[in-house]
């Protein structure tokens, strides 16, 4: 079974890391909120009800 990659407010972070808001359909958000959580921390509320949290993509070098 795979790990969930989209998180709703109140879900627990599976890993330490940076998370970013995206639209429910997977669309990117203009100027999305970015948060840093430790494993087990709850996700905060999103900017609006049509958004979720995903693990931030690693920067390309």
PDB file of N, CA and C in Angstrom:
ATOM      1  N   UNK A   1       0.825  -1.171   0.000  1.00  0.00           N
ATOM      2  CA  UNK A   1       0.000   0.000   0.000  1.00  0.00           C
ATOM      3  C   UNK A   1       0.876   1.242   0.000  1.00  0.00           C
ATOM      4  N   UNK A   2       0.517   2.196  -0.814  1.00  0.00           N
ATOM      5  CA  UNK A   2       1.300   3.416  -0.912  1.00  0.00           C
ATOM      6  C   UNK A   2       0.898   4.437   0.142  1.00  0.00           C
ATOM      7  N   UNK A   3       1.775   5.373   0.330  1.00  0.00           N
ATOM      8  CA  UNK A   3       1.517   6.436   1.280  1.00  0.00           C
ATOM      9  C   UNK A   3       0.682   7.520   0.614  1.00  0.00           C
ATOM     10  N   UNK A   4      -0.216   8.120   1.363  1.00  0.00           N
ATOM     11  CA  UNK A   4      -1.037   9.195   0.838  1.00  0.00           C
ATOM     12  C   UNK A   4      -0.124  10.385   0.539  1.00  0.00           C
ATOM     13  N   UNK A   5      -0.354  11.073  -0.584  1.00  0.00           N
ATOM     14  CA  UNK A   5       0.508  12.199  -0.923  1.00  0.00           C
ATOM     15  C   UNK A   5      -0.234  13.532  -0.889  1.00  0.00           C
ATOM     16  N   UNK A   6      -1.510  13.511  -0.523  1.00  0.00           N
ATOM     17  CA  UNK A   6      -2.308  14.733  -0.355  1.00  0.00           C
ATOM     18  C   UNK A   6      -2.876  14.722   1.051  1.00  0.00           C
ATOM     19  N   UNK A   7      -2.813  15.871   1.688  1.00  0.00           N
ATOM     20  CA  UNK A   7      -3.202  15.930   3.087  1.00  0.00           C
ATOM     21  C   UNK A   7      -4.183  17.061   3.324  1.00  0.00           C
ATOM     22  N   UNK A   8      -5.156  16.791   4.173  1.00  0.00           N
ATOM     23  CA  UNK A   8      -6.164  17.781   4.537  1.00  0.00           C
ATOM     24  C   UNK A   8      -5.795  18.373   5.892  1.00  0.00           C
ATOM     25  N   UNK A   9      -6.317  19.573   6.185  1.00  0.00           N
ATOM     26  CA  UNK A   9      -6.069  20.154   7.509  1.00  0.00           C
ATOM     27  C   UNK A   9      -6.459  19.164   8.608  1.00  0.00           C
ATOM     28  N   UNK A  10      -5.601  19.057   9.606  1.00  0.00           N
ATOM     29  CA  UNK A  10      -5.843  18.136  10.714  1.00  0.00           C
ATOM     30  C   UNK A  10      -5.149  16.801  10.549  1.00  0.00           C
ATOM     31  N   UNK A  11      -4.819  16.397   9.294  1.00  0.00           N
ATOM     32  CA  UNK A  11      -4.045  15.171   9.094  1.00  0.00           C
ATOM     33  C   UNK A  11      -2.671  15.353   9.719  1.00  0.00           C
ATOM     34  N   UNK A  12      -2.021  14.252  10.046  1.00  0.00           N
ATOM     35  CA  UNK A  12      -0.673  14.295  10.615  1.00  0.00           C
ATOM     36  C   UNK A  12       0.375  14.175   9.507  1.00  0.00           C
ATOM     37  N   UNK A  13       1.437  14.956   9.616  1.00  0.00           N
ATOM     38  CA  UNK A  13       2.532  14.893   8.639  1.00  0.00           C
ATOM     39  C   UNK A  13       3.239  13.543   8.783  1.00  0.00           C
ATOM     40  N   UNK A  14       3.455  12.829   7.669  1.00  0.00           N
ATOM     41  CA  UNK A  14       4.109  11.518   7.750  1.00  0.00           C
ATOM     42  C   UNK A  14       5.624  11.620   7.945  1.00  0.00           C
ATOM     43  N   UNK A  15       6.206  12.728   7.493  1.00  0.00           N
ATOM     44  CA  UNK A  15       7.664  12.900   7.553  1.00  0.00           C
ATOM     45  C   UNK A  15       7.995  14.347   7.874  1.00  0.00           C
ATOM     46  N   UNK A  16       9.224  14.564   8.341  1.00  0.00           N
ATOM     47  CA  UNK A  16       9.715  15.932   8.481  1.00  0.00           C
ATOM     48  C   UNK A  16       9.831  16.508   7.077  1.00  0.00           C
ATOM     49  N   UNK A  17       9.527  17.795   6.920  1.00  0.00           N
ATOM     50  CA  UNK A  17       9.713  18.383   5.603  1.00  0.00           C
ATOM     51  C   UNK A  17       8.912  19.639   5.375  1.00  0.00           C
ATOM     52  N   UNK A  18       8.995  20.089   4.137  1.00  0.00           N
ATOM     53  CA  UNK A  18       8.306  21.287   3.684  1.00  0.00           C
ATOM     54  C   UNK A  18       7.099  20.859   2.868  1.00  0.00           C
ATOM     55  N   UNK A  19       5.972  21.483   3.148  1.00  0.00           N
ATOM     56  CA  UNK A  19       4.722  21.176   2.465  1.00  0.00           C
ATOM     57  C   UNK A  19       4.168  22.458   1.859  1.00  0.00           C
ATOM     58  N   UNK A  20       3.445  22.312   0.747  1.00  0.00           N
ATOM     59  CA  UNK A  20       2.934  23.460   0.012  1.00  0.00           C
ATOM     60  C   UNK A  20       1.466  23.220  -0.355  1.00  0.00           C
ATOM     61  N   UNK A  21       0.685  24.299  -0.446  1.00  0.00           N
ATOM     62  CA  UNK A  21      -0.723  24.200  -0.828  1.00  0.00           C
ATOM     63  C   UNK A  21      -0.865  23.971  -2.329  1.00  0.00           C
ATOM     64  N   UNK A  22      -1.829  23.139  -2.705  1.00  0.00           N
ATOM     65  CA  UNK A  22      -2.213  22.957  -4.111  1.00  0.00           C
ATOM     66  C   UNK A  22      -3.731  22.921  -4.174  1.00  0.00           C
ATOM     67  N   UNK A  23      -4.269  23.145  -5.363  1.00  0.00           N
ATOM     68  CA  UNK A  23      -5.702  23.023  -5.574  1.00  0.00           C
ATOM     69  C   UNK A  23      -6.116  21.568  -5.475  1.00  0.00           C
ATOM     70  N   UNK A  24      -7.370  21.322  -5.172  1.00  0.00           N
ATOM     71  CA  UNK A  24      -7.872  19.963  -4.998  1.00  0.00           C
ATOM     72  C   UNK A  24      -7.634  19.112  -6.246  1.00  0.00           C
ATOM     73  N   UNK A  25      -7.769  19.703  -7.421  1.00  0.00           N
ATOM     74  CA  UNK A  25      -7.545  18.966  -8.665  1.00  0.00           C
ATOM     75  C   UNK A  25      -6.072  18.811  -9.012  1.00  0.00           C
ATOM     76  N   UNK A  26      -5.189  19.271  -8.156  1.00  0.00           N
ATOM     77  CA  UNK A  26      -3.759  19.164  -8.405  1.00  0.00           C
ATOM     78  C   UNK A  26      -3.175  20.400  -9.061  1.00  0.00           C
ATOM     79  N   UNK A  27      -4.026  21.401  -9.312  1.00  0.00           N
ATOM     80  CA  UNK A  27      -3.524  22.618  -9.954  1.00  0.00           C
ATOM     81  C   UNK A  27      -2.652  23.409  -8.977  1.00  0.00           C
ATOM     82  N   UNK A  28      -1.651  24.048  -9.520  1.00  0.00           N
ATOM     83  CA  UNK A  28      -0.775  24.865  -8.694  1.00  0.00           C
ATOM     84  C   UNK A  28      -1.510  26.144  -8.310  1.00  0.00           C
ATOM     85  N   UNK A  29      -1.138  26.698  -7.189  1.00  0.00           N
ATOM     86  CA  UNK A  29      -1.756  27.896  -6.639  1.00  0.00           C
ATOM     87  C   UNK A  29      -0.780  29.051  -6.791  1.00  0.00           C
ATOM     88  N   UNK A  30      -1.276  30.221  -7.172  1.00  0.00           N
ATOM     89  CA  UNK A  30      -0.424  31.408  -7.255  1.00  0.00           C
ATOM     90  C   UNK A  30      -0.050  31.817  -5.841  1.00  0.00           C
ATOM     91  N   UNK A  31       1.238  31.968  -5.581  1.00  0.00           N
ATOM     92  CA  UNK A  31       1.766  32.352  -4.271  1.00  0.00           C
ATOM     93  C   UNK A  31       1.227  31.438  -3.160  1.00  0.00           C
ATOM     94  N   UNK A  32       1.505  30.119  -3.249  1.00  0.00           N
ATOM     95  CA  UNK A  32       0.981  29.178  -2.252  1.00  0.00           C
ATOM     96  C   UNK A  32       1.669  29.334  -0.896  1.00  0.00           C
ATOM     97  N   UNK A  33       0.954  28.984   0.153  1.00  0.00           N
ATOM     98  CA  UNK A  33       1.557  28.950   1.486  1.00  0.00           C
ATOM     99  C   UNK A  33       2.517  27.775   1.546  1.00  0.00           C
ATOM    100  N   UNK A  34       3.628  27.965   2.227  1.00  0.00           N
ATOM    101  CA  UNK A  34       4.613  26.924   2.442  1.00  0.00           C
ATOM    102  C   UNK A  34       4.819  26.785   3.944  1.00  0.00           C
ATOM    103  N   UNK A  35       4.825  25.544   4.430  1.00  0.00           N
ATOM    104  CA  UNK A  35       5.003  25.295   5.856  1.00  0.00           C
ATOM    105  C   UNK A  35       6.082  24.241   6.070  1.00  0.00           C
ATOM    106  N   UNK A  36       6.665  24.238   7.240  1.00  0.00           N
ATOM    107  CA  UNK A  36       7.669  23.246   7.632  1.00  0.00           C
ATOM    108  C   UNK A  36       7.097  22.483   8.825  1.00  0.00           C
ATOM    109  N   UNK A  37       6.984  21.160   8.688  1.00  0.00           N
ATOM    110  CA  UNK A  37       6.423  20.334   9.755  1.00  0.00           C
ATOM    111  C   UNK A  37       7.376  19.206  10.118  1.00  0.00           C
ATOM    112  N   UNK A  38       7.233  18.727  11.342  1.00  0.00           N
ATOM    113  CA  UNK A  38       7.941  17.525  11.786  1.00  0.00           C
ATOM    114  C   UNK A  38       6.949  16.366  11.713  1.00  0.00           C
ATOM    115  N   UNK A  39       7.461  15.163  11.584  1.00  0.00           N
ATOM    116  CA  UNK A  39       6.595  13.977  11.518  1.00  0.00           C
ATOM    117  C   UNK A  39       5.645  13.975  12.713  1.00  0.00           C
ATOM    118  N   UNK A  40       4.356  13.790  12.436  1.00  0.00           N
ATOM    119  CA  UNK A  40       3.354  13.748  13.494  1.00  0.00           C
ATOM    120  C   UNK A  40       2.662  15.072  13.768  1.00  0.00           C
ATOM    121  N   UNK A  41       3.223  16.181  13.256  1.00  0.00           N
ATOM    122  CA  UNK A  41       2.577  17.485  13.438  1.00  0.00           C
ATOM    123  C   UNK A  41       1.303  17.537  12.597  1.00  0.00           C
ATOM    124  N   UNK A  42       0.252  18.183  13.101  1.00  0.00           N
ATOM    125  CA  UNK A  42      -0.973  18.311  12.301  1.00  0.00           C
ATOM    126  C   UNK A  42      -0.842  19.409  11.248  1.00  0.00           C
ATOM    127  N   UNK A  43      -1.485  19.191  10.107  1.00  0.00           N
ATOM    128  CA  UNK A  43      -1.501  20.207   9.062  1.00  0.00           C
ATOM    129  C   UNK A  43      -2.455  21.324   9.464  1.00  0.00           C
ATOM    130  N   UNK A  44      -2.069  22.595   9.246  1.00  0.00           N
ATOM    131  CA  UNK A  44      -2.957  23.711   9.570  1.00  0.00           C
ATOM    132  C   UNK A  44      -4.046  23.867   8.512  1.00  0.00           C
ATOM    133  N   UNK A  45      -4.981  24.763   8.774  1.00  0.00           N
ATOM    134  CA  UNK A  45      -6.016  25.079   7.796  1.00  0.00           C
ATOM    135  C   UNK A  45      -5.363  25.644   6.534  1.00  0.00           C
ATOM    136  N   UNK A  46      -5.985  25.394   5.390  1.00  0.00           N
ATOM    137  CA  UNK A  46      -5.508  25.950   4.127  1.00  0.00           C
ATOM    138  C   UNK A  46      -6.129  27.332   3.920  1.00  0.00           C
ATOM    139  N   UNK A  47      -5.658  28.052   2.911  1.00  0.00           N
ATOM    140  CA  UNK A  47      -6.164  29.392   2.627  1.00  0.00           C
ATOM    141  C   UNK A  47      -7.641  29.385   2.234  1.00  0.00           C
ATOM    142  N   UNK A  48      -8.097  28.301   1.596  1.00  0.00           N
ATOM    143  CA  UNK A  48      -9.530  28.138   1.320  1.00  0.00           C
ATOM    144  C   UNK A  48      -9.862  26.647   1.288  1.00  0.00           C
ATOM    145  N   UNK A  49     -11.148  26.324   1.292  1.00  0.00           N
ATOM    146  CA  UNK A  49     -11.594  24.931   1.416  1.00  0.00           C
ATOM    147  C   UNK A  49     -11.294  24.073   0.189  1.00  0.00           C
ATOM    148  N   UNK A  50     -10.889  24.671  -0.916  1.00  0.00           N
ATOM    149  CA  UNK A  50     -10.602  23.911  -2.133  1.00  0.00           C
ATOM    150  C   UNK A  50      -9.113  23.603  -2.287  1.00  0.00           C
ATOM    151  N   UNK A  51      -8.380  23.620  -1.197  1.00  0.00           N
ATOM    152  CA  UNK A  51      -6.936  23.347  -1.254  1.00  0.00           C
ATOM    153  C   UNK A  51      -6.554  22.215  -0.317  1.00  0.00           C
ATOM    154  N   UNK A  52      -5.412  21.604  -0.633  1.00  0.00           N
ATOM    155  CA  UNK A  52      -4.842  20.541   0.184  1.00  0.00           C
ATOM    156  C   UNK A  52      -3.347  20.786   0.290  1.00  0.00           C
ATOM    157  N   UNK A  53      -2.682  20.003   1.126  1.00  0.00           N
ATOM    158  CA  UNK A  53      -1.225  20.099   1.291  1.00  0.00           C
ATOM    159  C   UNK A  53      -0.555  18.928   0.579  1.00  0.00           C
ATOM    160  N   UNK A  54       0.600  19.190  -0.048  1.00  0.00           N
ATOM    161  CA  UNK A  54       1.442  18.120  -0.600  1.00  0.00           C
ATOM    162  C   UNK A  54       2.879  18.383  -0.160  1.00  0.00           C
ATOM    163  N   UNK A  55       3.692  17.354  -0.218  1.00  0.00           N
ATOM    164  CA  UNK A  55       5.117  17.524   0.083  1.00  0.00           C
ATOM    165  C   UNK A  55       5.717  18.379  -1.011  1.00  0.00           C
ATOM    166  N   UNK A  56       6.456  19.408  -0.649  1.00  0.00           N
ATOM    167  CA  UNK A  56       7.031  20.323  -1.635  1.00  0.00           C
ATOM    168  C   UNK A  56       8.026  19.597  -2.535  1.00  0.00           C
ATOM    169  N   UNK A  57       7.965  19.838  -3.834  1.00  0.00           N
ATOM    170  CA  UNK A  57       8.934  19.213  -4.745  1.00  0.00           C
ATOM    171  C   UNK A  57      10.354  19.698  -4.438  1.00  0.00           C
ATOM    172  N   UNK A  58      11.304  18.815  -4.633  1.00  0.00           N
ATOM    173  CA  UNK A  58      12.700  19.201  -4.424  1.00  0.00           C
ATOM    174  C   UNK A  58      13.148  20.130  -5.538  1.00  0.00           C
ATOM    175  N   UNK A  59      13.945  21.148  -5.199  1.00  0.00           N
ATOM    176  CA  UNK A  59      14.392  22.074  -6.256  1.00  0.00           C
ATOM    177  C   UNK A  59      15.275  21.372  -7.281  1.00  0.00           C
ATOM    178  N   UNK A  60      15.128  21.760  -8.533  1.00  0.00           N
ATOM    179  CA  UNK A  60      15.939  21.211  -9.615  1.00  0.00           C
ATOM    180  C   UNK A  60      17.251  21.996  -9.693  1.00  0.00           C
ATOM    181  N   UNK A  61      18.349  21.280  -9.852  1.00  0.00           N
ATOM    182  CA  UNK A  61      19.658  21.959  -9.944  1.00  0.00           C
ATOM    183  C   UNK A  61      20.124  22.016 -11.363  1.00  0.00           C
TER     184      UNK A  61
END
